[in-house]
Structures are given as C-alpha cells and as structure tokens.
N, C-alpha and C. Protein backbone atom coordinates (compact mmCIF):
# COMPACT_ATOMS: atom_id res chain seq x y z
N UNK A 1 -9.56 -25.90 17.21
CA UNK A 1 -10.69 -25.25 17.06
C UNK A 1 -10.46 -25.61 15.25
N UNK A 2 -11.58 -25.09 14.48
CA UNK A 2 -11.50 -25.15 13.02
C UNK A 2 -11.50 -24.23 12.43
N UNK A 3 -11.35 -24.58 11.12
CA UNK A 3 -11.12 -23.08 10.02
C UNK A 3 -12.12 -22.17 10.26
N UNK A 4 -13.51 -22.47 10.51
CA UNK A 4 -14.45 -21.83 10.32
C UNK A 4 -14.02 -20.84 11.87
N UNK A 5 -14.38 -21.43 12.68
CA UNK A 5 -13.62 -20.67 14.13
C UNK A 5 -12.57 -19.81 13.63
N UNK A 6 -11.14 -20.25 13.34
CA UNK A 6 -9.77 -19.28 13.24
C UNK A 6 -10.40 -18.08 12.90
N UNK A 7 -11.84 -18.46 11.11
CA UNK A 7 -12.06 -17.12 10.52
C UNK A 7 -12.82 -15.88 11.29
N UNK A 8 -14.06 -16.85 12.17
CA UNK A 8 -14.36 -16.15 12.79
C UNK A 8 -13.82 -15.05 14.08
N UNK A 9 -12.86 -15.74 14.73
CA UNK A 9 -11.75 -15.02 15.48
C UNK A 9 -11.04 -13.95 14.70
N UNK A 10 -10.53 -14.26 13.88
CA UNK A 10 -9.52 -13.19 12.96
C UNK A 10 -10.59 -12.50 12.44
N UNK A 11 -11.86 -12.37 12.21
CA UNK A 11 -12.56 -11.22 11.58
C UNK A 11 -13.16 -10.15 13.00
N UNK A 12 -12.93 -10.88 13.81
CA UNK A 12 -13.15 -9.94 15.81
C UNK A 12 -12.01 -9.31 15.82
N UNK A 13 -10.77 -10.39 15.77
CA UNK A 13 -9.35 -9.83 16.26
C UNK A 13 -9.14 -8.51 15.13
N UNK A 14 -9.55 -8.70 14.06
CA UNK A 14 -9.26 -7.42 12.97
C UNK A 14 -9.81 -6.45 13.29
N UNK A 15 -10.97 -6.37 13.45
CA UNK A 15 -12.02 -5.46 14.07
C UNK A 15 -11.46 -4.94 15.22
N UNK A 16 -11.06 -5.67 16.28
CA UNK A 16 -10.55 -4.75 17.33
C UNK A 16 -8.88 -4.35 17.25
N UNK A 17 -8.73 -5.02 16.66
CA UNK A 17 -7.31 -3.98 16.09
C UNK A 17 -7.27 -3.03 15.61
N UNK A 18 -8.78 -2.79 14.78
CA UNK A 18 -8.75 -1.97 14.33
C UNK A 18 -8.86 -0.59 15.15
N UNK A 19 -10.03 -1.06 16.08
CA UNK A 19 -10.19 0.24 17.00
C UNK A 19 -9.13 0.54 18.00
N UNK A 20 -8.42 -0.28 17.97
CA UNK A 20 -7.08 -0.19 18.92
C UNK A 20 -6.22 1.00 18.27
N UNK A 21 -6.14 0.74 16.64
CA UNK A 21 -5.18 1.56 15.85
C UNK A 21 -6.06 2.00 15.14
N UNK A 22 -6.95 3.16 15.12
CA UNK A 22 -7.75 4.16 14.25
C UNK A 22 -6.89 4.58 13.43
N UNK A 23 -7.47 4.78 12.02
CA UNK A 23 -6.75 5.55 11.13
C UNK A 23 -7.48 4.94 9.64
N UNK A 24 -6.81 5.67 8.72
CA UNK A 24 -7.19 5.30 7.58
C UNK A 24 -6.49 4.32 7.20
N UNK A 25 -6.51 3.10 6.40
CA UNK A 25 -5.77 1.91 5.96
C UNK A 25 -5.58 1.73 4.60
N UNK A 26 -4.51 1.35 4.02
CA UNK A 26 -4.38 2.03 2.63
C UNK A 26 -5.47 0.76 1.51
N UNK A 27 -6.03 -0.59 2.80
CA UNK A 27 -6.42 -1.40 1.44
C UNK A 27 -7.91 -1.63 2.12
N UNK A 28 -8.43 -0.43 2.89
CA UNK A 28 -10.02 -0.22 3.43
C UNK A 28 -10.57 -1.44 4.46
N UNK A 29 -11.59 -1.63 4.49
CA UNK A 29 -12.21 -2.76 4.63
C UNK A 29 -12.06 -3.99 4.55
N UNK A 30 -11.71 -4.65 3.38
CA UNK A 30 -11.56 -5.64 2.94
C UNK A 30 -10.19 -6.05 3.54
N UNK A 31 -9.14 -5.40 3.17
CA UNK A 31 -7.53 -5.22 3.89
C UNK A 31 -7.68 -5.41 4.92
N UNK A 32 -8.14 -4.93 5.72
CA UNK A 32 -8.20 -5.10 7.28
C UNK A 32 -8.79 -6.65 7.77
N UNK A 33 -10.07 -6.75 6.96
CA UNK A 33 -10.59 -7.91 7.39
C UNK A 33 -9.53 -9.04 6.66
N UNK A 34 -8.37 -8.64 5.98
CA UNK A 34 -7.77 -9.99 5.16
C UNK A 34 -6.72 -10.02 6.72
N UNK A 35 -6.00 -8.75 7.09
CA UNK A 35 -5.37 -8.61 7.88
C UNK A 35 -5.75 -9.36 9.35
N UNK A 36 -6.86 -8.87 9.43
CA UNK A 36 -7.51 -9.60 10.72
C UNK A 36 -7.33 -11.46 11.06
N UNK A 37 -7.88 -11.76 9.54
CA UNK A 37 -7.72 -13.46 9.64
C UNK A 37 -6.24 -13.76 9.74
N UNK A 38 -5.28 -13.07 8.63
CA UNK A 38 -4.00 -13.51 8.17
C UNK A 38 -3.63 -13.49 9.74
N UNK A 39 -3.57 -12.35 10.85
CA UNK A 39 -3.05 -11.94 11.75
C UNK A 39 -3.54 -12.77 13.37
N UNK A 40 -5.01 -13.60 13.23
CA UNK A 40 -5.01 -14.71 13.95
C UNK A 40 -3.79 -15.78 14.01
N UNK A 41 -4.06 -16.32 12.64
CA UNK A 41 -3.42 -17.45 12.37
C UNK A 41 -1.80 -17.40 12.29
N UNK A 42 -1.29 -16.18 12.20
CA UNK A 42 0.10 -15.62 12.62
C UNK A 42 0.34 -15.86 14.09
N UNK A 43 -0.80 -15.59 14.79
CA UNK A 43 -0.73 -15.09 16.94
C UNK A 43 -0.85 -16.19 17.19
N UNK A 44 -1.42 -17.20 16.72
CA UNK A 44 -1.79 -18.66 17.23
C UNK A 44 -0.44 -19.17 16.89
N UNK A 45 0.24 -19.41 15.86
CA UNK A 45 1.13 -19.94 15.34
C UNK A 45 2.75 -19.38 15.90
N UNK A 46 2.62 -17.97 16.33
CA UNK A 46 3.48 -17.76 16.82
C UNK A 46 3.62 -17.93 18.57
N UNK A 47 2.46 -17.91 18.95
CA UNK A 47 2.16 -18.17 20.59
C UNK A 47 2.48 -19.87 20.52
N UNK A 48 2.04 -20.50 19.65
CA UNK A 48 2.59 -22.22 20.22
C UNK A 48 3.97 -22.53 19.50
N UNK A 49 4.64 -21.51 18.62
CA UNK A 49 6.02 -21.87 18.25
C UNK A 49 6.69 -21.12 18.92
N UNK A 50 6.73 -20.33 19.49
CA UNK A 50 7.94 -19.73 20.06
C UNK A 50 7.77 -19.46 21.68
N UNK A 51 6.16 -19.12 22.07
CA UNK A 51 6.08 -18.56 23.08
C UNK A 51 5.77 -20.11 24.37
N UNK A 52 6.00 -20.99 23.49
CA UNK A 52 5.32 -21.84 24.27
C UNK A 52 4.33 -22.27 25.37
N UNK A 53 3.29 -21.59 24.41
CA UNK A 53 1.87 -21.74 24.71
C UNK A 53 0.79 -22.08 23.88
N UNK A 54 0.68 -23.51 23.98
CA UNK A 54 0.12 -23.95 22.15
C UNK A 54 -1.19 -23.22 22.62
N UNK A 55 -1.95 -23.25 21.50
CA UNK A 55 -3.54 -22.25 21.01
C UNK A 55 -4.63 -23.26 22.12
N UNK A 56 -5.41 -23.14 22.43
CA UNK A 56 -6.56 -23.93 23.26
C UNK A 56 -7.28 -24.20 22.15
N UNK A 57 -7.96 -25.41 22.44
CA UNK A 57 -8.88 -25.48 21.36
C UNK A 57 -10.81 -25.22 21.61
N UNK A 58 -10.32 -24.32 22.83
CA UNK A 58 -11.38 -23.71 22.80
C UNK A 58 -11.77 -22.10 22.41
N UNK A 59 -12.99 -21.58 22.11
CA UNK A 59 -13.04 -20.25 21.12
C UNK A 59 -12.97 -19.54 22.25
N UNK A 60 -13.14 -19.24 23.14
CA UNK A 60 -13.37 -18.26 24.04
C UNK A 60 -12.26 -18.33 25.19
N UNK A 61 -11.04 -18.66 25.23
CA UNK A 61 -10.15 -19.03 25.80
C UNK A 61 -9.39 -17.80 25.74
N UNK A 62 -8.84 -17.26 26.63
CA UNK A 62 -8.21 -15.86 26.84
C UNK A 62 -6.97 -15.48 25.75
N UNK A 63 -5.71 -16.55 26.08
CA UNK A 63 -4.63 -16.46 25.49
C UNK A 63 -4.59 -16.56 24.14
N UNK A 64 -5.68 -17.30 23.48
CA UNK A 64 -6.16 -17.39 22.19
C UNK A 64 -6.54 -15.80 21.72
N UNK A 65 -7.69 -15.26 22.08
CA UNK A 65 -7.87 -14.10 21.44
C UNK A 65 -6.57 -13.07 22.01
N UNK A 66 -5.83 -13.19 22.85
CA UNK A 66 -4.43 -11.83 23.02
C UNK A 66 -3.89 -12.34 21.63
N UNK A 67 -3.51 -13.59 22.01
CA UNK A 67 -2.49 -14.30 20.51
C UNK A 67 -3.39 -13.82 19.06
N UNK A 68 -4.12 -13.65 18.95
CA UNK A 68 -5.04 -13.31 17.44
C UNK A 68 -5.23 -11.75 17.39
N UNK A 69 -5.67 -11.07 18.31
CA UNK A 69 -5.66 -9.48 18.27
C UNK A 69 -4.20 -8.84 18.14
N UNK A 70 -3.13 -9.72 18.77
CA UNK A 70 -1.46 -9.39 18.95
C UNK A 70 -1.47 -9.62 17.13
N UNK A 71 -1.47 -10.78 17.19
CA UNK A 71 -1.04 -10.63 15.68
C UNK A 71 -1.77 -9.95 14.15
N UNK A 72 -2.73 -9.76 14.88
CA UNK A 72 -3.40 -8.67 13.91
C UNK A 72 -2.77 -7.63 13.79
N UNK A 73 -2.56 -6.93 15.20
CA UNK A 73 -2.00 -5.32 15.44
C UNK A 73 -0.68 -5.79 14.53
N UNK A 74 0.30 -6.85 14.88
CA UNK A 74 1.56 -6.15 14.17
C UNK A 74 0.99 -6.55 12.86
N UNK A 75 0.69 -7.26 11.96
CA UNK A 75 0.28 -7.19 10.62
C UNK A 75 -0.56 -6.15 10.34
N UNK A 76 -1.05 -5.32 10.82
CA UNK A 76 -2.00 -4.13 10.73
C UNK A 76 -0.94 -2.68 10.58
N UNK A 77 -0.08 -2.87 11.65
CA UNK A 77 1.03 -1.94 11.50
C UNK A 77 2.31 -2.42 10.63
N UNK A 78 2.50 -3.39 10.05
CA UNK A 78 3.21 -3.55 9.33
C UNK A 78 2.96 -3.52 7.72
N UNK A 79 1.36 -3.48 7.91
CA UNK A 79 0.98 -3.15 6.57
C UNK A 79 0.66 -2.04 6.15
N UNK A 80 0.83 -1.10 7.25
CA UNK A 80 0.03 0.45 7.07
C UNK A 80 2.01 0.86 6.78
N UNK A 81 3.00 0.65 7.51
CA UNK A 81 4.35 0.75 7.24
C UNK A 81 4.60 0.73 5.84
N UNK A 82 4.24 -0.56 5.00
CA UNK A 82 5.04 -0.95 3.68
C UNK A 82 3.90 -0.24 2.80
N UNK A 83 2.38 -0.25 3.06
CA UNK A 83 1.72 0.27 1.94
C UNK A 83 0.80 1.84 2.19
N UNK A 84 1.27 2.05 3.64
CA UNK A 84 0.54 3.55 3.60
C UNK A 84 0.93 4.83 2.94
N UNK A 85 1.93 4.86 2.01
CA UNK A 85 2.01 6.21 1.92
C UNK A 85 1.93 6.18 0.45
N UNK A 86 1.46 4.80 -0.20
CA UNK A 86 1.43 4.66 -1.84
C UNK A 86 -0.14 5.38 -2.47
N UNK A 87 -0.76 5.71 -1.25
CA UNK A 87 -1.92 5.79 -1.62
C UNK A 87 -1.89 7.58 -2.00
N UNK A 88 -0.99 7.97 -1.20
CA UNK A 88 -1.22 9.78 -1.15
C UNK A 88 -0.76 10.12 -2.54
N UNK A 89 -1.54 11.61 -2.42
CA UNK A 89 -0.87 12.01 -3.34
C UNK A 89 -0.62 13.78 -3.43
C-alpha cells in the first residue's frame, strides 16, 4: 500500500478507535486524527516486526485493519493518560 492508502486507513482507524473509546480527548478532532494516522503506522510496524504477520499490500485485508485499529487504540489510550489531565481546571 502507498502512503496515501495508509493515511486513509489511519483516518478510518482513528475514527473507529474514537468510537470504541468515547470521551473527550485533549487534542480534539485534529489530535484524534493524527493519532489515528500514527496508530495505523505503529500497528502495521508492530504487526510485521514482532507478531510475524507482514502487512498485506491490499487495503481491505482484515489483519491490516486490526493492526491499524489496535495501534490507534494504544496511542489514544497513551495520549489520554499523558495529556488527559493537563486541560482540566
């Protein structure tokens, strides 16, 4: 897959991660979008590096989607843990 496909996959994975973990995010929509894109890259990298499951070259491969959504969920949770209390007054 090309870089544009990974960005689109990341946007969709970030939206799914946000749906699975509802709540207020410190970064708003832009922060969640960036987390989704980074999560897709991280999930794909972890999947190919340590889980011995290389990322498919097809956009609609289920394992690629699971890796992207999983990476987005992990980054969203970490982001909330690190920056979640900084905006409360």
